[in-house]
Amino acid sequence: MIKTMTFSVMHFSIAFLVAYLITGSFVVGGLVAIVEPAINTVAFYFHELVWSKIQNKREEGEVKGAMETIGESYALRSC
């Protein structure tokens, strides 16, 4: 949890610094530092959902392929 917190502080700091350097405004820097990580957090959640579905489909395909191979081996041995 400490690693997550330190990463969050670093992320907010970098977002603020970049926005401040580009605009020269503390207000804009502060808004970007709050809004950008929040949007990234939501986007990451949906990214993980999609990624999980892709992984599940791959694993189902591997299991299905393995089961077909097992069936073929059994059929060849029983002839």
PDB file of N, CA and C in Angstrom:
ATOM      1  N   MET A   1       0.824  -1.199   0.000  1.00  0.00           N
ATOM      2  CA  MET A   1       0.000   0.000   0.000  1.00  0.00           C
ATOM      3  C   MET A   1       0.868   1.263   0.000  1.00  0.00           C
ATOM      4  N   ILE A   2       1.999   1.208   0.662  1.00  0.00           N
ATOM      5  CA  ILE A   2       2.896   2.376   0.704  1.00  0.00           C
ATOM      6  C   ILE A   2       3.407   2.684  -0.698  1.00  0.00           C
ATOM      7  N   LYS A   3       3.725   1.627  -1.459  1.00  0.00           N
ATOM      8  CA  LYS A   3       4.202   1.832  -2.831  1.00  0.00           C
ATOM      9  C   LYS A   3       3.128   2.533  -3.669  1.00  0.00           C
ATOM     10  N   THR A   4       1.883   2.129  -3.501  1.00  0.00           N
ATOM     11  CA  THR A   4       0.774   2.756  -4.239  1.00  0.00           C
ATOM     12  C   THR A   4       0.635   4.224  -3.862  1.00  0.00           C
ATOM     13  N   MET A   5       0.735   4.517  -2.573  1.00  0.00           N
ATOM     14  CA  MET A   5       0.604   5.899  -2.118  1.00  0.00           C
ATOM     15  C   MET A   5       1.750   6.773  -2.642  1.00  0.00           C
ATOM     16  N   THR A   6       2.974   6.259  -2.582  1.00  0.00           N
ATOM     17  CA  THR A   6       4.103   7.061  -3.077  1.00  0.00           C
ATOM     18  C   THR A   6       4.000   7.268  -4.579  1.00  0.00           C
ATOM     19  N   PHE A   7       3.505   6.250  -5.307  1.00  0.00           N
ATOM     20  CA  PHE A   7       3.311   6.410  -6.751  1.00  0.00           C
ATOM     21  C   PHE A   7       2.245   7.464  -7.020  1.00  0.00           C
ATOM     22  N   SER A   8       1.176   7.472  -6.221  1.00  0.00           N
ATOM     23  CA  SER A   8       0.115   8.469  -6.397  1.00  0.00           C
ATOM     24  C   SER A   8       0.643   9.882  -6.175  1.00  0.00           C
ATOM     25  N   VAL A   9       1.432  10.065  -5.140  1.00  0.00           N
ATOM     26  CA  VAL A   9       2.023  11.389  -4.868  1.00  0.00           C
ATOM     27  C   VAL A   9       2.910  11.812  -6.034  1.00  0.00           C
ATOM     28  N   MET A  10       3.707  10.880  -6.526  1.00  0.00           N
ATOM     29  CA  MET A  10       4.576  11.187  -7.660  1.00  0.00           C
ATOM     30  C   MET A  10       3.741  11.558  -8.891  1.00  0.00           C
ATOM     31  N   HIS A  11       2.672  10.799  -9.145  1.00  0.00           N
ATOM     32  CA  HIS A  11       1.816  11.047 -10.302  1.00  0.00           C
ATOM     33  C   HIS A  11       1.173  12.434 -10.211  1.00  0.00           C
ATOM     34  N   PHE A  12       0.597  12.760  -9.063  1.00  0.00           N
ATOM     35  CA  PHE A  12      -0.011  14.077  -8.872  1.00  0.00           C
ATOM     36  C   PHE A  12       1.029  15.185  -9.042  1.00  0.00           C
ATOM     37  N   SER A  13       2.211  14.986  -8.492  1.00  0.00           N
ATOM     38  CA  SER A  13       3.273  16.001  -8.580  1.00  0.00           C
ATOM     39  C   SER A  13       3.706  16.246 -10.007  1.00  0.00           C
ATOM     40  N   ILE A  14       3.898  15.178 -10.754  1.00  0.00           N
ATOM     41  CA  ILE A  14       4.313  15.321 -12.156  1.00  0.00           C
ATOM     42  C   ILE A  14       3.215  15.989 -12.969  1.00  0.00           C
ATOM     43  N   ALA A  15       1.961  15.578 -12.759  1.00  0.00           N
ATOM     44  CA  ALA A  15       0.850  16.196 -13.497  1.00  0.00           C
ATOM     45  C   ALA A  15       0.772  17.691 -13.200  1.00  0.00           C
ATOM     46  N   PHE A  16       0.910  18.044 -11.923  1.00  0.00           N
ATOM     47  CA  PHE A  16       0.874  19.454 -11.547  1.00  0.00           C
ATOM     48  C   PHE A  16       2.036  20.211 -12.189  1.00  0.00           C
ATOM     49  N   LEU A  17       3.235  19.673 -12.079  1.00  0.00           N
ATOM     50  CA  LEU A  17       4.425  20.359 -12.583  1.00  0.00           C
ATOM     51  C   LEU A  17       4.353  20.582 -14.091  1.00  0.00           C
ATOM     52  N   VAL A  18       3.962  19.560 -14.815  1.00  0.00           N
ATOM     53  CA  VAL A  18       3.878  19.694 -16.279  1.00  0.00           C
ATOM     54  C   VAL A  18       2.831  20.745 -16.650  1.00  0.00           C
ATOM     55  N   ALA A  19       1.639  20.660 -16.054  1.00  0.00           N
ATOM     56  CA  ALA A  19       0.586  21.631 -16.375  1.00  0.00           C
ATOM     57  C   ALA A  19       0.998  23.044 -15.974  1.00  0.00           C
ATOM     58  N   TYR A  20       1.649  23.165 -14.829  1.00  0.00           N
ATOM     59  CA  TYR A  20       2.099  24.488 -14.380  1.00  0.00           C
ATOM     60  C   TYR A  20       3.158  25.049 -15.325  1.00  0.00           C
ATOM     61  N   LEU A  21       4.114  24.244 -15.719  1.00  0.00           N
ATOM     62  CA  LEU A  21       5.166  24.712 -16.627  1.00  0.00           C
ATOM     63  C   LEU A  21       4.613  25.115 -17.990  1.00  0.00           C
ATOM     64  N   ILE A  22       3.591  24.412 -18.448  1.00  0.00           N
ATOM     65  CA  ILE A  22       2.998  24.737 -19.750  1.00  0.00           C
ATOM     66  C   ILE A  22       2.144  25.998 -19.668  1.00  0.00           C
ATOM     67  N   THR A  23       1.366  26.136 -18.589  1.00  0.00           N
ATOM     68  CA  THR A  23       0.409  27.242 -18.519  1.00  0.00           C
ATOM     69  C   THR A  23       0.860  28.399 -17.640  1.00  0.00           C
ATOM     70  N   GLY A  24       1.726  28.127 -16.669  1.00  0.00           N
ATOM     71  CA  GLY A  24       2.130  29.161 -15.724  1.00  0.00           C
ATOM     72  C   GLY A  24       1.074  29.456 -14.675  1.00  0.00           C
ATOM     73  N   SER A  25       0.071  28.599 -14.587  1.00  0.00           N
ATOM     74  CA  SER A  25      -1.042  28.828 -13.669  1.00  0.00           C
ATOM     75  C   SER A  25      -1.089  27.723 -12.607  1.00  0.00           C
ATOM     76  N   PHE A  26      -1.099  28.169 -11.315  1.00  0.00           N
ATOM     77  CA  PHE A  26      -1.232  27.197 -10.235  1.00  0.00           C
ATOM     78  C   PHE A  26      -2.611  26.539 -10.261  1.00  0.00           C
ATOM     79  N   VAL A  27      -3.629  27.307 -10.645  1.00  0.00           N
ATOM     80  CA  VAL A  27      -4.996  26.780 -10.678  1.00  0.00           C
ATOM     81  C   VAL A  27      -5.107  25.675 -11.725  1.00  0.00           C
ATOM     82  N   VAL A  28      -4.624  25.950 -12.923  1.00  0.00           N
ATOM     83  CA  VAL A  28      -4.679  24.940 -13.983  1.00  0.00           C
ATOM     84  C   VAL A  28      -3.828  23.734 -13.593  1.00  0.00           C
ATOM     85  N   GLY A  29      -2.657  23.985 -13.038  1.00  0.00           N
ATOM     86  CA  GLY A  29      -1.806  22.884 -12.586  1.00  0.00           C
ATOM     87  C   GLY A  29      -2.505  22.020 -11.556  1.00  0.00           C
ATOM     88  N   GLY A  30      -3.177  22.658 -10.614  1.00  0.00           N
ATOM     89  CA  GLY A  30      -3.908  21.921  -9.591  1.00  0.00           C
ATOM     90  C   GLY A  30      -5.072  21.125 -10.153  1.00  0.00           C
ATOM     91  N   LEU A  31      -5.816  21.745 -11.061  1.00  0.00           N
ATOM     92  CA  LEU A  31      -6.941  21.038 -11.676  1.00  0.00           C
ATOM     93  C   LEU A  31      -6.471  19.825 -12.473  1.00  0.00           C
ATOM     94  N   VAL A  32      -5.421  20.005 -13.250  1.00  0.00           N
ATOM     95  CA  VAL A  32      -4.890  18.890 -14.036  1.00  0.00           C
ATOM     96  C   VAL A  32      -4.384  17.787 -13.100  1.00  0.00           C
ATOM     97  N   ALA A  33      -3.720  18.173 -12.025  1.00  0.00           N
ATOM     98  CA  ALA A  33      -3.181  17.195 -11.081  1.00  0.00           C
ATOM     99  C   ALA A  33      -4.286  16.386 -10.411  1.00  0.00           C
ATOM    100  N   ILE A  34      -5.474  16.943 -10.303  1.00  0.00           N
ATOM    101  CA  ILE A  34      -6.594  16.218  -9.698  1.00  0.00           C
ATOM    102  C   ILE A  34      -7.380  15.441 -10.750  1.00  0.00           C
ATOM    103  N   VAL A  35      -7.701  16.095 -11.861  1.00  0.00           N
ATOM    104  CA  VAL A  35      -8.574  15.497 -12.865  1.00  0.00           C
ATOM    105  C   VAL A  35      -7.880  14.385 -13.655  1.00  0.00           C
ATOM    106  N   GLU A  36      -6.672  14.607 -14.092  1.00  0.00           N
ATOM    107  CA  GLU A  36      -5.979  13.630 -14.948  1.00  0.00           C
ATOM    108  C   GLU A  36      -5.799  12.284 -14.251  1.00  0.00           C
ATOM    109  N   PRO A  37      -5.275  12.218 -13.032  1.00  0.00           N
ATOM    110  CA  PRO A  37      -5.155  10.907 -12.379  1.00  0.00           C
ATOM    111  C   PRO A  37      -6.518  10.249 -12.113  1.00  0.00           C
ATOM    112  N   ALA A  38      -7.529  11.041 -11.829  1.00  0.00           N
ATOM    113  CA  ALA A  38      -8.861  10.474 -11.596  1.00  0.00           C
ATOM    114  C   ALA A  38      -9.393   9.821 -12.869  1.00  0.00           C
ATOM    115  N   ILE A  39      -9.236  10.488 -13.993  1.00  0.00           N
ATOM    116  CA  ILE A  39      -9.682   9.927 -15.272  1.00  0.00           C
ATOM    117  C   ILE A  39      -8.852   8.694 -15.618  1.00  0.00           C
ATOM    118  N   ASN A  40      -7.559   8.751 -15.376  1.00  0.00           N
ATOM    119  CA  ASN A  40      -6.706   7.588 -15.621  1.00  0.00           C
ATOM    120  C   ASN A  40      -7.131   6.392 -14.784  1.00  0.00           C
ATOM    121  N   THR A  41      -7.541   6.625 -13.559  1.00  0.00           N
ATOM    122  CA  THR A  41      -7.973   5.543 -12.681  1.00  0.00           C
ATOM    123  C   THR A  41      -9.210   4.855 -13.249  1.00  0.00           C
ATOM    124  N   VAL A  42     -10.170   5.638 -13.709  1.00  0.00           N
ATOM    125  CA  VAL A  42     -11.387   5.075 -14.295  1.00  0.00           C
ATOM    126  C   VAL A  42     -11.048   4.341 -15.593  1.00  0.00           C
ATOM    127  N   ALA A  43     -10.210   4.938 -16.432  1.00  0.00           N
ATOM    128  CA  ALA A  43      -9.815   4.302 -17.686  1.00  0.00           C
ATOM    129  C   ALA A  43      -9.083   2.991 -17.423  1.00  0.00           C
ATOM    130  N   PHE A  44      -8.235   2.972 -16.406  1.00  0.00           N
ATOM    131  CA  PHE A  44      -7.497   1.756 -16.066  1.00  0.00           C
ATOM    132  C   PHE A  44      -8.450   0.644 -15.646  1.00  0.00           C
ATOM    133  N   TYR A  45      -9.495   0.984 -14.902  1.00  0.00           N
ATOM    134  CA  TYR A  45     -10.485  -0.008 -14.478  1.00  0.00           C
ATOM    135  C   TYR A  45     -11.114  -0.689 -15.695  1.00  0.00           C
ATOM    136  N   PHE A  46     -11.551   0.106 -16.669  1.00  0.00           N
ATOM    137  CA  PHE A  46     -12.167  -0.467 -17.861  1.00  0.00           C
ATOM    138  C   PHE A  46     -11.147  -1.223 -18.714  1.00  0.00           C
ATOM    139  N   HIS A  47      -9.922  -0.741 -18.754  1.00  0.00           N
ATOM    140  CA  HIS A  47      -8.847  -1.447 -19.455  1.00  0.00           C
ATOM    141  C   HIS A  47      -8.662  -2.837 -18.856  1.00  0.00           C
ATOM    142  N   GLU A  48      -8.675  -2.924 -17.528  1.00  0.00           N
ATOM    143  CA  GLU A  48      -8.519  -4.210 -16.851  1.00  0.00           C
ATOM    144  C   GLU A  48      -9.687  -5.149 -17.139  1.00  0.00           C
ATOM    145  N   LEU A  49     -10.909  -4.615 -17.220  1.00  0.00           N
ATOM    146  CA  LEU A  49     -12.066  -5.446 -17.563  1.00  0.00           C
ATOM    147  C   LEU A  49     -11.907  -6.067 -18.948  1.00  0.00           C
ATOM    148  N   VAL A  50     -11.538  -5.237 -19.916  1.00  0.00           N
ATOM    149  CA  VAL A  50     -11.355  -5.730 -21.287  1.00  0.00           C
ATOM    150  C   VAL A  50     -10.214  -6.731 -21.328  1.00  0.00           C
ATOM    151  N   TRP A  51      -9.115  -6.422 -20.684  1.00  0.00           N
ATOM    152  CA  TRP A  51      -7.950  -7.302 -20.676  1.00  0.00           C
ATOM    153  C   TRP A  51      -8.300  -8.653 -20.054  1.00  0.00           C
ATOM    154  N   SER A  52      -9.075  -8.636 -18.986  1.00  0.00           N
ATOM    155  CA  SER A  52      -9.484  -9.866 -18.313  1.00  0.00           C
ATOM    156  C   SER A  52     -10.341 -10.728 -19.239  1.00  0.00           C
ATOM    157  N   LYS A  53     -11.245 -10.108 -19.973  1.00  0.00           N
ATOM    158  CA  LYS A  53     -12.076 -10.860 -20.918  1.00  0.00           C
ATOM    159  C   LYS A  53     -11.232 -11.488 -22.021  1.00  0.00           C
ATOM    160  N   ILE A  54     -10.249 -10.754 -22.520  1.00  0.00           N
ATOM    161  CA  ILE A  54      -9.350 -11.291 -23.548  1.00  0.00           C
ATOM    162  C   ILE A  54      -8.577 -12.486 -22.994  1.00  0.00           C
ATOM    163  N   GLN A  55      -8.037 -12.344 -21.783  1.00  0.00           N
ATOM    164  CA  GLN A  55      -7.285 -13.438 -21.157  1.00  0.00           C
ATOM    165  C   GLN A  55      -8.174 -14.659 -20.957  1.00  0.00           C
ATOM    166  N   ASN A  56      -9.407 -14.462 -20.503  1.00  0.00           N
ATOM    167  CA  ASN A  56     -10.328 -15.581 -20.286  1.00  0.00           C
ATOM    168  C   ASN A  56     -10.625 -16.310 -21.588  1.00  0.00           C
ATOM    169  N   LYS A  57     -10.821 -15.566 -22.669  1.00  0.00           N
ATOM    170  CA  LYS A  57     -11.088 -16.196 -23.966  1.00  0.00           C
ATOM    171  C   LYS A  57      -9.876 -16.986 -24.442  1.00  0.00           C
ATOM    172  N   ARG A  58      -8.683 -16.456 -24.236  1.00  0.00           N
ATOM    173  CA  ARG A  58      -7.469 -17.181 -24.607  1.00  0.00           C
ATOM    174  C   ARG A  58      -7.355 -18.477 -23.822  1.00  0.00           C
ATOM    175  N   GLU A  59      -7.602 -18.408 -22.518  1.00  0.00           N
ATOM    176  CA  GLU A  59      -7.508 -19.594 -21.673  1.00  0.00           C
ATOM    177  C   GLU A  59      -8.562 -20.621 -22.052  1.00  0.00           C
ATOM    178  N   GLU A  60      -9.764 -20.188 -22.372  1.00  0.00           N
ATOM    179  CA  GLU A  60     -10.816 -21.117 -22.808  1.00  0.00           C
ATOM    180  C   GLU A  60     -10.405 -21.800 -24.097  1.00  0.00           C
ATOM    181  N   GLY A  61      -9.793 -21.044 -25.009  1.00  0.00           N
ATOM    182  CA  GLY A  61      -9.320 -21.616 -26.270  1.00  0.00           C
ATOM    183  C   GLY A  61      -8.226 -22.640 -26.044  1.00  0.00           C
ATOM    184  N   GLU A  62      -7.328 -22.370 -25.098  1.00  0.00           N
ATOM    185  CA  GLU A  62      -6.247 -23.308 -24.790  1.00  0.00           C
ATOM    186  C   GLU A  62      -6.802 -24.579 -24.183  1.00  0.00           C
ATOM    187  N   VAL A  63      -7.789 -24.455 -23.302  1.00  0.00           N
ATOM    188  CA  VAL A  63      -8.398 -25.632 -22.676  1.00  0.00           C
ATOM    189  C   VAL A  63      -9.138 -26.433 -23.728  1.00  0.00           C
ATOM    190  N   LYS A  64      -9.889 -25.757 -24.581  1.00  0.00           N
ATOM    191  CA  LYS A  64     -10.642 -26.435 -25.625  1.00  0.00           C
ATOM    192  C   LYS A  64      -9.690 -27.172 -26.560  1.00  0.00           C
ATOM    193  N   GLY A  65      -8.611 -26.500 -26.954  1.00  0.00           N
ATOM    194  CA  GLY A  65      -7.617 -27.130 -27.829  1.00  0.00           C
ATOM    195  C   GLY A  65      -6.972 -28.331 -27.177  1.00  0.00           C
ATOM    196  N   ALA A  66      -6.685 -28.242 -25.891  1.00  0.00           N
ATOM    197  CA  ALA A  66      -6.078 -29.354 -25.165  1.00  0.00           C
ATOM    198  C   ALA A  66      -7.054 -30.519 -25.076  1.00  0.00           C
ATOM    199  N   MET A  67      -8.316 -30.241 -24.842  1.00  0.00           N
ATOM    200  CA  MET A  67      -9.317 -31.308 -24.751  1.00  0.00           C
ATOM    201  C   MET A  67      -9.482 -32.006 -26.095  1.00  0.00           C
ATOM    202  N   GLU A  68      -9.442 -31.271 -27.198  1.00  0.00           N
ATOM    203  CA  GLU A  68      -9.545 -31.881 -28.517  1.00  0.00           C
ATOM    204  C   GLU A  68      -8.343 -32.775 -28.788  1.00  0.00           C
ATOM    205  N   THR A  69      -7.166 -32.333 -28.375  1.00  0.00           N
ATOM    206  CA  THR A  69      -5.953 -33.119 -28.557  1.00  0.00           C
ATOM    207  C   THR A  69      -6.023 -34.409 -27.749  1.00  0.00           C
ATOM    208  N   ILE A  70      -6.515 -34.324 -26.521  1.00  0.00           N
ATOM    209  CA  ILE A  70      -6.661 -35.511 -25.683  1.00  0.00           C
ATOM    210  C   ILE A  70      -7.631 -36.489 -26.338  1.00  0.00           C
ATOM    211  N   GLY A  71      -8.731 -35.990 -26.862  1.00  0.00           N
ATOM    212  CA  GLY A  71      -9.719 -36.847 -27.544  1.00  0.00           C
ATOM    213  C   GLY A  71      -9.127 -37.515 -28.767  1.00  0.00           C
ATOM    214  N   GLU A  72      -8.318 -36.784 -29.538  1.00  0.00           N
ATOM    215  CA  GLU A  72      -7.699 -37.352 -30.725  1.00  0.00           C
ATOM    216  C   GLU A  72      -6.701 -38.442 -30.321  1.00  0.00           C
ATOM    217  N   SER A  73      -5.947 -38.240 -29.292  1.00  0.00           N
ATOM    218  CA  SER A  73      -4.978 -39.239 -28.842  1.00  0.00           C
ATOM    219  C   SER A  73      -5.698 -40.508 -28.400  1.00  0.00           C
ATOM    220  N   TYR A  74      -6.782 -40.357 -27.685  1.00  0.00           N
ATOM    221  CA  TYR A  74      -7.550 -41.504 -27.213  1.00  0.00           C
ATOM    222  C   TYR A  74      -8.126 -42.270 -28.403  1.00  0.00           C
ATOM    223  N   ALA A  75      -8.652 -41.534 -29.388  1.00  0.00           N
ATOM    224  CA  ALA A  75      -9.245 -42.174 -30.567  1.00  0.00           C
ATOM    225  C   ALA A  75      -8.185 -42.961 -31.338  1.00  0.00           C
ATOM    226  N   LEU A  76      -6.980 -42.429 -31.450  1.00  0.00           N
ATOM    227  CA  LEU A  76      -5.928 -43.137 -32.168  1.00  0.00           C
ATOM    228  C   LEU A  76      -5.487 -44.407 -31.438  1.00  0.00           C
ATOM    229  N   ARG A  77      -5.448 -44.364 -30.124  1.00  0.00           N
ATOM    230  CA  ARG A  77      -5.013 -45.520 -29.338  1.00  0.00           C
ATOM    231  C   ARG A  77      -6.059 -46.637 -29.361  1.00  0.00           C
ATOM    232  N   SER A  78      -7.322 -46.295 -29.493  1.00  0.00           N
ATOM    233  CA  SER A  78      -8.344 -47.317 -29.397  1.00  0.00           C
ATOM    234  C   SER A  78      -8.576 -48.048 -30.728  1.00  0.00           C
ATOM    235  N   CYS A  79      -7.924 -47.619 -31.803  1.00  0.00           N
ATOM    236  CA  CYS A  79      -8.108 -48.281 -33.101  1.00  0.00           C
ATOM    237  C   CYS A  79      -7.317 -49.544 -33.230  1.00  0.00           C
TER     238      CYS A  79
END
